[in-house]
Amino acid sequence: MDRKPFLTADDARRIAQAAEAEARAQGWAVTIAVVDDGGHLLWLQRLDGAAPISAQIAPAKARTSALGRRESRLYEEMINQGRHSFLSAPGLEGMLEGGVPVMVSGHCVGAVGVSGVKSSEDAQVARAGIAALGTS
């Protein structure tokens, strides 16, 4: 039987702390979500000033990234390039840039979703969080 790594509560906390540090350094009010490989929420943090809707968008981006095992922006790009039927994909609601998978030894162990600023900036915050693990 194969074995694979997984995110612990400490990992989720470390990711969130590093993501928060990046957001604060940039002066960005965002919501940060960390999910496991099944898209289940491990951490949700809405920084002061972040729009209430970001608390729904960030976990959706993270879930989409974890279930698809790719950045959520790839779905947004497919749709923008005319593949509108992809909007009916079951279980995927956050098909916007800002969800980034957490990859460890070739396994997707979860994802980070961020919402609150420009999509590329959301992704920057997510990547900063993931970098704190030192594994991707």
C-alpha atoms as a PDB file:
ATOM      1  CA  MET A   1       0.000   0.000   0.000  1.00  0.00           C
ATOM      2  CA  ASP A   2       1.280   3.477  -0.853  1.00  0.00           C
ATOM      3  CA  ARG A   3       1.637   6.036   1.870  1.00  0.00           C
ATOM      4  CA  LYS A   4       1.224   9.734   1.449  1.00  0.00           C
ATOM      5  CA  PRO A   5       1.870  12.833   3.525  1.00  0.00           C
ATOM      6  CA  PHE A   6      -0.978  14.909   4.940  1.00  0.00           C
ATOM      7  CA  LEU A   7      -1.478  18.346   6.460  1.00  0.00           C
ATOM      8  CA  THR A   8      -1.536  18.516  10.246  1.00  0.00           C
ATOM      9  CA  ALA A   9      -3.164  21.196  12.352  1.00  0.00           C
ATOM     10  CA  ASP A  10       0.311  22.625  12.958  1.00  0.00           C
ATOM     11  CA  ASP A  11       0.939  22.723   9.197  1.00  0.00           C
ATOM     12  CA  ALA A  12      -2.321  24.594   8.618  1.00  0.00           C
ATOM     13  CA  ARG A  13      -1.411  27.081  11.359  1.00  0.00           C
ATOM     14  CA  ARG A  14       2.091  27.611   9.908  1.00  0.00           C
ATOM     15  CA  ILE A  15       0.663  28.180   6.415  1.00  0.00           C
ATOM     16  CA  ALA A  16      -1.921  30.628   7.744  1.00  0.00           C
ATOM     17  CA  GLN A  17       0.616  32.564   9.806  1.00  0.00           C
ATOM     18  CA  ALA A  18       2.963  32.988   6.848  1.00  0.00           C
ATOM     19  CA  ALA A  19       0.091  33.958   4.560  1.00  0.00           C
ATOM     20  CA  GLU A  20      -1.125  36.481   7.117  1.00  0.00           C
ATOM     21  CA  ALA A  21       2.386  37.933   7.430  1.00  0.00           C
ATOM     22  CA  GLU A  22       2.561  38.395   3.640  1.00  0.00           C
ATOM     23  CA  ALA A  23      -0.878  40.015   3.516  1.00  0.00           C
ATOM     24  CA  ARG A  24      -0.056  42.378   6.385  1.00  0.00           C
ATOM     25  CA  ALA A  25       3.320  43.276   4.855  1.00  0.00           C
ATOM     26  CA  GLN A  26       1.481  44.325   1.693  1.00  0.00           C
ATOM     27  CA  GLY A  27      -1.341  46.069   3.586  1.00  0.00           C
ATOM     28  CA  TRP A  28      -3.966  43.671   2.200  1.00  0.00           C
ATOM     29  CA  ALA A  29      -7.160  42.754   4.048  1.00  0.00           C
ATOM     30  CA  VAL A  30      -7.879  39.164   2.994  1.00  0.00           C
ATOM     31  CA  THR A  31      -9.423  35.923   4.117  1.00  0.00           C
ATOM     32  CA  ILE A  32      -7.150  32.869   4.219  1.00  0.00           C
ATOM     33  CA  ALA A  33      -8.485  29.321   3.969  1.00  0.00           C
ATOM     34  CA  VAL A  34      -6.512  26.085   4.273  1.00  0.00           C
ATOM     35  CA  VAL A  35      -8.124  22.784   3.273  1.00  0.00           C
ATOM     36  CA  ASP A  36      -7.030  19.156   3.222  1.00  0.00           C
ATOM     37  CA  ASP A  37      -6.768  17.027   0.072  1.00  0.00           C
ATOM     38  CA  GLY A  38     -10.525  16.412   0.100  1.00  0.00           C
ATOM     39  CA  GLY A  39     -11.303  20.122   0.260  1.00  0.00           C
ATOM     40  CA  HIS A  40     -12.331  20.020   3.921  1.00  0.00           C
ATOM     41  CA  LEU A  41     -11.671  23.208   5.849  1.00  0.00           C
ATOM     42  CA  LEU A  42      -8.776  23.088   8.315  1.00  0.00           C
ATOM     43  CA  TRP A  43      -8.315  26.840   8.847  1.00  0.00           C
ATOM     44  CA  LEU A  44     -10.246  30.004   8.084  1.00  0.00           C
ATOM     45  CA  GLN A  45      -9.038  33.452   9.034  1.00  0.00           C
ATOM     46  CA  ARG A  46     -10.610  36.734   7.954  1.00  0.00           C
ATOM     47  CA  LEU A  47      -8.290  39.655   8.601  1.00  0.00           C
ATOM     48  CA  ASP A  48      -9.737  42.921   9.848  1.00  0.00           C
ATOM     49  CA  GLY A  49     -11.214  44.891   6.981  1.00  0.00           C
ATOM     50  CA  ALA A  50     -11.677  41.929   4.637  1.00  0.00           C
ATOM     51  CA  ALA A  51     -15.044  41.880   2.906  1.00  0.00           C
ATOM     52  CA  PRO A  52     -17.531  39.414   4.425  1.00  0.00           C
ATOM     53  CA  ILE A  53     -17.974  37.616   1.079  1.00  0.00           C
ATOM     54  CA  SER A  54     -14.253  36.770   1.079  1.00  0.00           C
ATOM     55  CA  ALA A  55     -14.981  34.295   3.902  1.00  0.00           C
ATOM     56  CA  GLN A  56     -16.990  32.270   1.386  1.00  0.00           C
ATOM     57  CA  ILE A  57     -14.791  32.814  -1.661  1.00  0.00           C
ATOM     58  CA  ALA A  58     -11.454  31.827  -0.064  1.00  0.00           C
ATOM     59  CA  PRO A  59     -12.590  28.328   1.026  1.00  0.00           C
ATOM     60  CA  ALA A  60     -14.238  27.787  -2.366  1.00  0.00           C
ATOM     61  CA  LYS A  61     -10.976  28.631  -4.153  1.00  0.00           C
ATOM     62  CA  ALA A  62      -9.040  26.318  -1.827  1.00  0.00           C
ATOM     63  CA  ARG A  63     -11.538  23.464  -2.276  1.00  0.00           C
ATOM     64  CA  THR A  64     -11.438  23.834  -6.068  1.00  0.00           C
ATOM     65  CA  SER A  65      -7.645  23.763  -6.044  1.00  0.00           C
ATOM     66  CA  ALA A  66      -7.436  20.724  -3.749  1.00  0.00           C
ATOM     67  CA  LEU A  67     -10.027  18.661  -5.604  1.00  0.00           C
ATOM     68  CA  GLY A  68      -8.556  19.510  -9.002  1.00  0.00           C
ATOM     69  CA  ARG A  69      -4.968  19.281  -7.767  1.00  0.00           C
ATOM     70  CA  ARG A  70      -4.085  22.445  -9.674  1.00  0.00           C
ATOM     71  CA  GLU A  71      -4.317  26.186  -9.255  1.00  0.00           C
ATOM     72  CA  SER A  72      -7.877  27.469  -9.384  1.00  0.00           C
ATOM     73  CA  ARG A  73      -6.827  30.082 -11.960  1.00  0.00           C
ATOM     74  CA  LEU A  74      -6.533  27.308 -14.562  1.00  0.00           C
ATOM     75  CA  TYR A  75     -10.292  26.778 -14.386  1.00  0.00           C
ATOM     76  CA  GLU A  76     -10.885  30.509 -14.717  1.00  0.00           C
ATOM     77  CA  GLU A  77      -8.649  30.553 -17.803  1.00  0.00           C
ATOM     78  CA  MET A  78     -10.496  27.606 -19.392  1.00  0.00           C
ATOM     79  CA  ILE A  79     -13.833  29.327 -18.894  1.00  0.00           C
ATOM     80  CA  ASN A  80     -12.520  32.669 -20.171  1.00  0.00           C
ATOM     81  CA  GLN A  81     -11.217  30.910 -23.273  1.00  0.00           C
ATOM     82  CA  GLY A  82     -14.737  29.749 -24.099  1.00  0.00           C
ATOM     83  CA  ARG A  83     -15.136  26.435 -22.313  1.00  0.00           C
ATOM     84  CA  HIS A  84     -18.287  27.664 -20.566  1.00  0.00           C
ATOM     85  CA  SER A  85     -19.625  24.162 -20.028  1.00  0.00           C
ATOM     86  CA  PHE A  86     -16.995  23.792 -17.307  1.00  0.00           C
ATOM     87  CA  LEU A  87     -19.169  26.020 -15.124  1.00  0.00           C
ATOM     88  CA  SER A  88     -21.311  22.920 -14.554  1.00  0.00           C
ATOM     89  CA  ALA A  89     -18.441  20.887 -13.047  1.00  0.00           C
ATOM     90  CA  PRO A  90     -19.820  19.312  -9.857  1.00  0.00           C
ATOM     91  CA  GLY A  91     -18.453  20.542  -6.540  1.00  0.00           C
ATOM     92  CA  LEU A  92     -16.328  23.343  -7.971  1.00  0.00           C
ATOM     93  CA  GLU A  93     -17.486  26.828  -7.042  1.00  0.00           C
ATOM     94  CA  GLY A  94     -14.271  28.816  -6.657  1.00  0.00           C
ATOM     95  CA  MET A  95     -13.007  28.814 -10.214  1.00  0.00           C
ATOM     96  CA  LEU A  96     -11.109  32.081  -9.735  1.00  0.00           C
ATOM     97  CA  GLU A  97      -7.407  32.755  -9.287  1.00  0.00           C
ATOM     98  CA  GLY A  98      -6.292  32.582  -5.668  1.00  0.00           C
ATOM     99  CA  GLY A  99      -6.441  28.855  -4.884  1.00  0.00           C
ATOM    100  CA  VAL A 100      -3.058  27.086  -4.843  1.00  0.00           C
ATOM    101  CA  PRO A 101      -2.482  23.379  -4.142  1.00  0.00           C
ATOM    102  CA  VAL A 102      -0.054  22.227  -1.477  1.00  0.00           C
ATOM    103  CA  MET A 103       2.170  19.601  -3.109  1.00  0.00           C
ATOM    104  CA  VAL A 104       4.459  17.351  -1.074  1.00  0.00           C
ATOM    105  CA  SER A 105       6.532  14.618  -2.734  1.00  0.00           C
ATOM    106  CA  GLY A 106       4.232  14.639  -5.740  1.00  0.00           C
ATOM    107  CA  HIS A 107       1.073  14.375  -3.636  1.00  0.00           C
ATOM    108  CA  CYS A 108      -1.578  17.065  -3.297  1.00  0.00           C
ATOM    109  CA  VAL A 109      -2.100  17.247   0.469  1.00  0.00           C
ATOM    110  CA  GLY A 110      -4.423  20.250   0.435  1.00  0.00           C
ATOM    111  CA  ALA A 111      -4.672  23.797  -0.795  1.00  0.00           C
ATOM    112  CA  VAL A 112      -4.723  27.410   0.266  1.00  0.00           C
ATOM    113  CA  GLY A 113      -7.361  29.844  -0.938  1.00  0.00           C
ATOM    114  CA  VAL A 114      -7.166  33.587  -0.461  1.00  0.00           C
ATOM    115  CA  SER A 115      -9.707  36.274  -1.276  1.00  0.00           C
ATOM    116  CA  GLY A 116      -9.842  40.006  -0.739  1.00  0.00           C
ATOM    117  CA  VAL A 117      -7.528  41.743  -3.202  1.00  0.00           C
ATOM    118  CA  LYS A 118      -6.631  41.304  -6.885  1.00  0.00           C
ATOM    119  CA  SER A 119      -6.626  37.637  -7.859  1.00  0.00           C
ATOM    120  CA  SER A 120      -2.896  37.610  -8.584  1.00  0.00           C
ATOM    121  CA  GLU A 121      -2.290  39.144  -5.139  1.00  0.00           C
ATOM    122  CA  ASP A 122      -4.546  36.519  -3.538  1.00  0.00           C
ATOM    123  CA  ALA A 123      -2.363  33.852  -5.166  1.00  0.00           C
ATOM    124  CA  GLN A 124       0.793  35.622  -3.949  1.00  0.00           C
ATOM    125  CA  VAL A 125      -0.467  35.408  -0.360  1.00  0.00           C
ATOM    126  CA  ALA A 126      -1.390  31.728  -0.794  1.00  0.00           C
ATOM    127  CA  ARG A 127       2.055  30.889  -2.194  1.00  0.00           C
ATOM    128  CA  ALA A 128       3.756  32.709   0.685  1.00  0.00           C
ATOM    129  CA  GLY A 129       1.813  30.553   3.112  1.00  0.00           C
ATOM    130  CA  ILE A 130       2.715  27.339   1.318  1.00  0.00           C
ATOM    131  CA  ALA A 131       6.387  28.338   1.199  1.00  0.00           C
ATOM    132  CA  ALA A 132       6.447  28.284   4.995  1.00  0.00           C
ATOM    133  CA  LEU A 133       6.217  24.491   4.868  1.00  0.00           C
ATOM    134  CA  GLY A 134       9.481  24.329   2.959  1.00  0.00           C
ATOM    135  CA  THR A 135       8.290  21.269   1.043  1.00  0.00           C
ATOM    136  CA  SER A 136       6.843  22.443  -2.280  1.00  0.00           C
END
